[in-house]
N, C-alpha and C. Protein backbone atom coordinates (compact mmCIF):
# COMPACT_ATOMS: atom_id res chain seq x y z
N MET A 1 -16.80 19.52 -18.59
CA MET A 1 -16.14 18.22 -18.47
C MET A 1 -16.64 17.53 -17.19
N PRO A 2 -17.16 16.29 -17.32
CA PRO A 2 -17.70 15.61 -16.13
C PRO A 2 -16.58 15.17 -15.19
N LYS A 3 -16.99 14.83 -13.98
CA LYS A 3 -16.04 14.40 -12.95
C LYS A 3 -15.38 13.08 -13.37
N ILE A 4 -14.07 13.00 -13.14
CA ILE A 4 -13.31 11.79 -13.49
C ILE A 4 -13.54 10.74 -12.40
N LYS A 5 -13.84 9.52 -12.83
CA LYS A 5 -14.09 8.44 -11.87
C LYS A 5 -12.86 7.53 -11.82
N ALA A 6 -12.52 7.09 -10.62
CA ALA A 6 -11.32 6.27 -10.42
C ALA A 6 -11.41 4.93 -11.13
N HIS A 7 -12.59 4.31 -11.14
CA HIS A 7 -12.71 3.00 -11.78
C HIS A 7 -12.51 3.09 -13.29
N GLU A 8 -12.80 4.25 -13.88
CA GLU A 8 -12.53 4.45 -15.31
C GLU A 8 -11.04 4.62 -15.55
N LEU A 9 -10.35 5.26 -14.61
CA LEU A 9 -8.92 5.49 -14.76
C LEU A 9 -8.12 4.19 -14.64
N ARG A 10 -8.62 3.25 -13.84
CA ARG A 10 -7.88 2.00 -13.62
C ARG A 10 -7.70 1.18 -14.89
N SER A 11 -8.61 1.34 -15.84
CA SER A 11 -8.50 0.57 -17.09
C SER A 11 -7.51 1.19 -18.07
N LYS A 12 -7.09 2.43 -17.82
CA LYS A 12 -6.19 3.12 -18.75
C LYS A 12 -4.74 2.72 -18.51
N PRO A 13 -3.93 2.70 -19.58
CA PRO A 13 -2.51 2.39 -19.42
C PRO A 13 -1.74 3.58 -18.83
N LYS A 14 -0.50 3.32 -18.47
CA LYS A 14 0.35 4.30 -17.79
C LYS A 14 0.53 5.58 -18.62
N GLY A 15 0.81 5.42 -19.91
CA GLY A 15 1.05 6.57 -20.78
C GLY A 15 -0.15 7.49 -20.88
N GLU A 16 -1.32 6.88 -20.96
CA GLU A 16 -2.56 7.66 -21.06
C GLU A 16 -2.84 8.42 -19.76
N LEU A 17 -2.54 7.79 -18.64
CA LEU A 17 -2.73 8.46 -17.35
C LEU A 17 -1.81 9.68 -17.23
N LEU A 18 -0.55 9.50 -17.64
CA LEU A 18 0.39 10.62 -17.56
C LEU A 18 -0.02 11.76 -18.48
N LYS A 19 -0.55 11.41 -19.66
CA LYS A 19 -1.01 12.43 -20.60
C LYS A 19 -2.19 13.20 -20.00
N GLN A 20 -3.12 12.47 -19.40
CA GLN A 20 -4.28 13.10 -18.78
C GLN A 20 -3.86 13.99 -17.60
N LEU A 21 -2.88 13.53 -16.84
CA LEU A 21 -2.36 14.31 -15.73
C LEU A 21 -1.75 15.62 -16.21
N ASP A 22 -0.99 15.53 -17.31
CA ASP A 22 -0.37 16.73 -17.88
C ASP A 22 -1.44 17.72 -18.35
N ASP A 23 -2.49 17.21 -19.01
CA ASP A 23 -3.58 18.07 -19.48
C ASP A 23 -4.28 18.76 -18.31
N LEU A 24 -4.53 17.99 -17.25
CA LEU A 24 -5.20 18.55 -16.07
C LEU A 24 -4.36 19.64 -15.41
N LYS A 25 -3.04 19.42 -15.36
CA LYS A 25 -2.16 20.42 -14.75
C LYS A 25 -2.13 21.70 -15.57
N LYS A 26 -2.14 21.55 -16.90
CA LYS A 26 -2.19 22.73 -17.77
C LYS A 26 -3.50 23.48 -17.57
N GLU A 27 -4.60 22.73 -17.47
CA GLU A 27 -5.91 23.35 -17.26
C GLU A 27 -5.94 24.10 -15.93
N LEU A 28 -5.36 23.50 -14.90
CA LEU A 28 -5.32 24.15 -13.59
C LEU A 28 -4.51 25.44 -13.64
N ALA A 29 -3.40 25.41 -14.36
CA ALA A 29 -2.57 26.61 -14.49
C ALA A 29 -3.35 27.73 -15.19
N SER A 30 -4.07 27.36 -16.26
CA SER A 30 -4.84 28.38 -16.98
C SER A 30 -5.99 28.91 -16.12
N LEU A 31 -6.61 28.03 -15.34
CA LEU A 31 -7.69 28.48 -14.46
C LEU A 31 -7.18 29.45 -13.39
N ARG A 32 -5.99 29.19 -12.89
CA ARG A 32 -5.41 30.09 -11.89
C ARG A 32 -5.09 31.46 -12.48
N VAL A 33 -4.66 31.46 -13.75
CA VAL A 33 -4.39 32.74 -14.43
C VAL A 33 -5.71 33.50 -14.60
N GLU A 34 -6.76 32.78 -15.03
CA GLU A 34 -8.08 33.42 -15.22
C GLU A 34 -8.64 33.93 -13.90
N LYS A 35 -8.35 33.23 -12.81
CA LYS A 35 -8.81 33.66 -11.49
C LYS A 35 -8.22 35.03 -11.14
N VAL A 36 -6.95 35.22 -11.46
CA VAL A 36 -6.28 36.49 -11.16
C VAL A 36 -6.80 37.60 -12.06
N THR A 37 -7.00 37.27 -13.35
CA THR A 37 -7.40 38.31 -14.30
C THR A 37 -8.88 38.67 -14.20
N THR A 38 -9.78 37.66 -14.25
CA THR A 38 -11.22 37.97 -14.26
C THR A 38 -11.91 37.63 -12.94
N GLY A 39 -11.67 36.44 -12.43
CA GLY A 39 -12.29 36.03 -11.17
C GLY A 39 -13.74 35.62 -11.32
N ALA A 40 -14.08 34.97 -12.45
CA ALA A 40 -15.44 34.49 -12.65
C ALA A 40 -15.73 33.36 -11.66
N ALA A 41 -16.95 33.36 -11.13
CA ALA A 41 -17.31 32.38 -10.10
C ALA A 41 -17.27 30.94 -10.62
N SER A 42 -17.66 30.75 -11.90
CA SER A 42 -17.66 29.40 -12.45
C SER A 42 -16.24 28.85 -12.57
N LYS A 43 -15.31 29.74 -12.86
CA LYS A 43 -13.90 29.31 -12.98
C LYS A 43 -13.32 28.96 -11.61
N LEU A 44 -13.74 29.70 -10.59
CA LEU A 44 -13.25 29.43 -9.24
C LEU A 44 -13.72 28.05 -8.76
N ALA A 45 -14.94 27.70 -9.07
CA ALA A 45 -15.48 26.39 -8.67
C ALA A 45 -14.78 25.27 -9.44
N ARG A 46 -14.40 25.55 -10.68
CA ARG A 46 -13.75 24.54 -11.54
C ARG A 46 -12.35 24.18 -11.01
N ILE A 47 -11.69 25.12 -10.33
CA ILE A 47 -10.35 24.87 -9.80
C ILE A 47 -10.37 23.68 -8.84
N LYS A 48 -11.36 23.64 -7.97
CA LYS A 48 -11.47 22.54 -6.99
C LYS A 48 -11.67 21.21 -7.71
N VAL A 49 -12.53 21.19 -8.72
CA VAL A 49 -12.81 19.96 -9.46
C VAL A 49 -11.55 19.44 -10.14
N VAL A 50 -10.78 20.35 -10.75
CA VAL A 50 -9.56 19.95 -11.45
C VAL A 50 -8.51 19.43 -10.46
N ARG A 51 -8.40 20.08 -9.31
CA ARG A 51 -7.45 19.62 -8.29
C ARG A 51 -7.79 18.21 -7.82
N LYS A 52 -9.06 17.95 -7.60
CA LYS A 52 -9.50 16.61 -7.18
C LYS A 52 -9.24 15.58 -8.28
N ALA A 53 -9.43 15.99 -9.53
CA ALA A 53 -9.18 15.09 -10.66
C ALA A 53 -7.70 14.73 -10.74
N ILE A 54 -6.83 15.73 -10.51
CA ILE A 54 -5.39 15.47 -10.51
C ILE A 54 -5.05 14.48 -9.41
N ALA A 55 -5.65 14.66 -8.25
CA ALA A 55 -5.41 13.75 -7.13
C ALA A 55 -5.84 12.33 -7.46
N ARG A 56 -6.98 12.19 -8.13
CA ARG A 56 -7.47 10.85 -8.51
C ARG A 56 -6.52 10.18 -9.48
N VAL A 57 -6.07 10.93 -10.49
CA VAL A 57 -5.15 10.36 -11.48
C VAL A 57 -3.86 9.92 -10.81
N LEU A 58 -3.32 10.78 -9.94
CA LEU A 58 -2.07 10.43 -9.25
C LEU A 58 -2.25 9.22 -8.34
N THR A 59 -3.39 9.13 -7.67
CA THR A 59 -3.67 7.99 -6.79
C THR A 59 -3.69 6.69 -7.58
N VAL A 60 -4.41 6.69 -8.69
CA VAL A 60 -4.50 5.48 -9.52
C VAL A 60 -3.13 5.12 -10.09
N TYR A 61 -2.40 6.13 -10.54
CA TYR A 61 -1.06 5.91 -11.11
C TYR A 61 -0.13 5.29 -10.06
N ASN A 62 -0.13 5.84 -8.85
CA ASN A 62 0.73 5.32 -7.78
C ASN A 62 0.32 3.92 -7.36
N GLN A 63 -0.99 3.65 -7.33
CA GLN A 63 -1.46 2.30 -6.99
C GLN A 63 -1.01 1.28 -8.03
N GLN A 64 -1.09 1.67 -9.31
CA GLN A 64 -0.65 0.77 -10.37
C GLN A 64 0.85 0.49 -10.27
N GLN A 65 1.63 1.53 -9.97
CA GLN A 65 3.07 1.34 -9.81
C GLN A 65 3.38 0.40 -8.66
N LYS A 66 2.68 0.58 -7.55
CA LYS A 66 2.91 -0.26 -6.38
C LYS A 66 2.52 -1.71 -6.67
N ASP A 67 1.44 -1.91 -7.43
CA ASP A 67 1.02 -3.27 -7.77
C ASP A 67 2.06 -3.97 -8.63
N THR A 68 2.63 -3.25 -9.60
CA THR A 68 3.66 -3.86 -10.45
C THR A 68 4.91 -4.19 -9.63
N LEU A 69 5.25 -3.31 -8.69
CA LEU A 69 6.41 -3.58 -7.84
C LEU A 69 6.16 -4.78 -6.94
N ARG A 70 4.91 -4.91 -6.44
CA ARG A 70 4.58 -6.07 -5.61
C ARG A 70 4.74 -7.37 -6.40
N GLU A 71 4.36 -7.34 -7.69
CA GLU A 71 4.52 -8.53 -8.53
C GLU A 71 5.99 -8.86 -8.71
N VAL A 72 6.83 -7.84 -8.91
CA VAL A 72 8.26 -8.05 -9.12
C VAL A 72 8.92 -8.61 -7.86
N PHE A 73 8.60 -8.02 -6.69
CA PHE A 73 9.23 -8.42 -5.45
C PHE A 73 8.50 -9.56 -4.75
N GLY A 74 7.44 -10.07 -5.34
CA GLY A 74 6.63 -11.11 -4.70
C GLY A 74 7.39 -12.37 -4.37
N THR A 75 8.31 -12.78 -5.25
CA THR A 75 9.03 -14.04 -5.05
C THR A 75 10.38 -13.84 -4.38
N LYS A 76 10.81 -12.61 -4.22
CA LYS A 76 12.13 -12.33 -3.65
C LYS A 76 12.13 -12.51 -2.13
N LYS A 77 13.33 -12.71 -1.59
CA LYS A 77 13.45 -12.92 -0.14
C LYS A 77 13.26 -11.61 0.63
N PHE A 78 13.87 -10.53 0.14
CA PHE A 78 13.76 -9.24 0.80
C PHE A 78 12.87 -8.32 0.00
N VAL A 79 11.94 -7.66 0.68
CA VAL A 79 10.97 -6.77 0.04
C VAL A 79 11.14 -5.37 0.63
N PRO A 80 11.07 -4.32 -0.19
CA PRO A 80 11.18 -2.96 0.36
C PRO A 80 10.13 -2.71 1.44
N ARG A 81 10.47 -1.84 2.38
CA ARG A 81 9.61 -1.62 3.55
C ARG A 81 8.21 -1.12 3.17
N ASP A 82 8.12 -0.27 2.15
CA ASP A 82 6.80 0.27 1.80
C ASP A 82 5.91 -0.75 1.12
N LEU A 83 6.48 -1.90 0.71
CA LEU A 83 5.68 -2.96 0.09
C LEU A 83 5.33 -4.07 1.07
N ARG A 84 5.91 -4.03 2.27
CA ARG A 84 5.62 -5.06 3.26
C ARG A 84 4.25 -4.82 3.88
N HIS A 85 3.72 -5.87 4.52
CA HIS A 85 2.44 -5.73 5.21
C HIS A 85 2.62 -4.83 6.42
N LYS A 86 1.70 -3.92 6.64
CA LYS A 86 1.84 -2.96 7.74
C LYS A 86 1.53 -3.60 9.09
N ARG A 87 0.38 -4.23 9.23
CA ARG A 87 -0.07 -4.84 10.48
C ARG A 87 0.05 -3.85 11.63
N THR A 88 0.48 -4.31 12.81
CA THR A 88 0.71 -3.40 13.93
C THR A 88 2.17 -3.50 14.33
N ARG A 89 2.63 -2.55 15.08
CA ARG A 89 4.03 -2.51 15.49
C ARG A 89 4.39 -3.75 16.31
N ALA A 90 3.48 -4.15 17.19
CA ALA A 90 3.73 -5.31 18.05
C ALA A 90 3.86 -6.59 17.21
N ILE A 91 3.00 -6.74 16.22
CA ILE A 91 3.05 -7.94 15.37
C ILE A 91 4.34 -7.96 14.55
N ARG A 92 4.76 -6.79 14.06
CA ARG A 92 6.00 -6.72 13.27
C ARG A 92 7.21 -7.11 14.10
N ARG A 93 7.19 -6.80 15.40
CA ARG A 93 8.33 -7.08 16.26
C ARG A 93 8.30 -8.48 16.87
N ARG A 94 7.18 -9.14 16.74
CA ARG A 94 7.01 -10.47 17.33
C ARG A 94 7.95 -11.48 16.67
N LEU A 95 8.35 -12.52 17.44
CA LEU A 95 9.20 -13.57 16.88
C LEU A 95 8.45 -14.37 15.83
N SER A 96 9.18 -14.83 14.82
CA SER A 96 8.54 -15.66 13.80
C SER A 96 8.33 -17.07 14.37
N GLN A 97 7.60 -17.90 13.64
CA GLN A 97 7.30 -19.25 14.11
C GLN A 97 8.57 -20.06 14.28
N SER A 98 9.52 -19.94 13.34
CA SER A 98 10.77 -20.69 13.44
C SER A 98 11.61 -20.21 14.61
N GLU A 99 11.61 -18.89 14.86
CA GLU A 99 12.36 -18.36 15.99
C GLU A 99 11.76 -18.82 17.32
N ARG A 100 10.42 -18.89 17.36
CA ARG A 100 9.73 -19.32 18.58
C ARG A 100 10.02 -20.78 18.91
N SER A 101 10.13 -21.62 17.89
CA SER A 101 10.28 -23.06 18.12
C SER A 101 11.71 -23.47 18.43
N LYS A 102 12.68 -22.59 18.21
CA LYS A 102 14.08 -22.93 18.49
C LYS A 102 14.32 -23.06 19.99
N LYS A 103 15.24 -23.99 20.34
CA LYS A 103 15.58 -24.19 21.75
C LYS A 103 17.08 -24.06 21.92
N THR A 104 17.51 -23.69 23.11
CA THR A 104 18.94 -23.61 23.41
C THR A 104 19.49 -25.02 23.57
N VAL A 105 20.81 -25.12 23.57
CA VAL A 105 21.46 -26.43 23.74
C VAL A 105 21.09 -27.02 25.10
N LYS A 106 21.09 -26.17 26.13
CA LYS A 106 20.76 -26.63 27.48
C LYS A 106 19.33 -27.17 27.54
N ALA A 107 18.40 -26.47 26.91
CA ALA A 107 17.00 -26.90 26.93
C ALA A 107 16.80 -28.21 26.18
N THR A 108 17.52 -28.40 25.07
CA THR A 108 17.38 -29.66 24.31
C THR A 108 17.95 -30.83 25.11
N LYS A 109 19.09 -30.61 25.79
CA LYS A 109 19.67 -31.68 26.62
C LYS A 109 18.74 -32.05 27.76
N LYS A 110 18.16 -31.02 28.39
CA LYS A 110 17.25 -31.26 29.52
C LYS A 110 16.02 -32.05 29.06
N ALA A 111 15.50 -31.70 27.89
CA ALA A 111 14.31 -32.40 27.36
C ALA A 111 14.64 -33.85 27.03
N ALA A 112 15.86 -34.09 26.53
CA ALA A 112 16.25 -35.46 26.18
C ALA A 112 16.51 -36.31 27.42
N ASN A 113 17.16 -35.72 28.42
CA ASN A 113 17.54 -36.49 29.61
C ASN A 113 16.42 -36.63 30.65
N PHE A 114 15.53 -35.66 30.68
CA PHE A 114 14.44 -35.71 31.65
C PHE A 114 13.10 -35.56 30.94
N PRO A 115 12.65 -36.62 30.29
CA PRO A 115 11.38 -36.52 29.57
C PRO A 115 10.20 -36.38 30.53
N MET A 116 9.05 -35.96 30.01
CA MET A 116 7.84 -35.82 30.83
C MET A 116 7.47 -37.19 31.38
N ARG A 117 7.11 -37.25 32.66
CA ARG A 117 6.75 -38.52 33.28
C ARG A 117 5.33 -38.91 32.88
N ARG A 118 5.18 -40.22 32.66
CA ARG A 118 3.86 -40.74 32.32
C ARG A 118 3.32 -41.47 33.54
N TYR A 119 2.11 -41.17 33.89
CA TYR A 119 1.48 -41.82 35.04
C TYR A 119 0.34 -42.69 34.56
N ALA A 120 0.24 -43.88 35.14
CA ALA A 120 -0.88 -44.76 34.83
C ALA A 120 -2.01 -44.43 35.80
N VAL A 121 -3.16 -44.15 35.24
CA VAL A 121 -4.31 -43.80 36.08
C VAL A 121 -5.18 -45.05 36.22
N LYS A 122 -5.48 -45.42 37.46
CA LYS A 122 -6.28 -46.62 37.72
C LYS A 122 -7.75 -46.32 37.43
N ALA A 123 -8.37 -47.17 36.62
CA ALA A 123 -9.80 -46.99 36.27
C ALA A 123 -10.66 -47.55 37.39
N GLU A 124 -11.68 -46.87 37.77
CA GLU A 124 -12.55 -47.35 38.84
C GLU A 124 -13.86 -47.85 38.32
């Protein structure tokens, strides 16, 4: 059986991925039994290939699930933490644009009562 490629898995529907995952897990279990009983070198090498294939299927499956969840929560106000943009810790804690532009009552009164002075510059 040739190596499973991720781009081929992406075109498959959810049910087919789960079926393939189940088959791979059964194959891995049988290979582990054969390893204990006979220990053929070809079977030992196949265990690694099957494990990697299981990982690929699970990765594609989880990515597809996350994409569908992103579509569902895309328009909502609150999004689960694992679907939010990661960025950096500092950027996540930074004030938003609306929070930055807000002023206190004292600051608004001061700006209204004492506007910036305009100076006329004499042209030479």
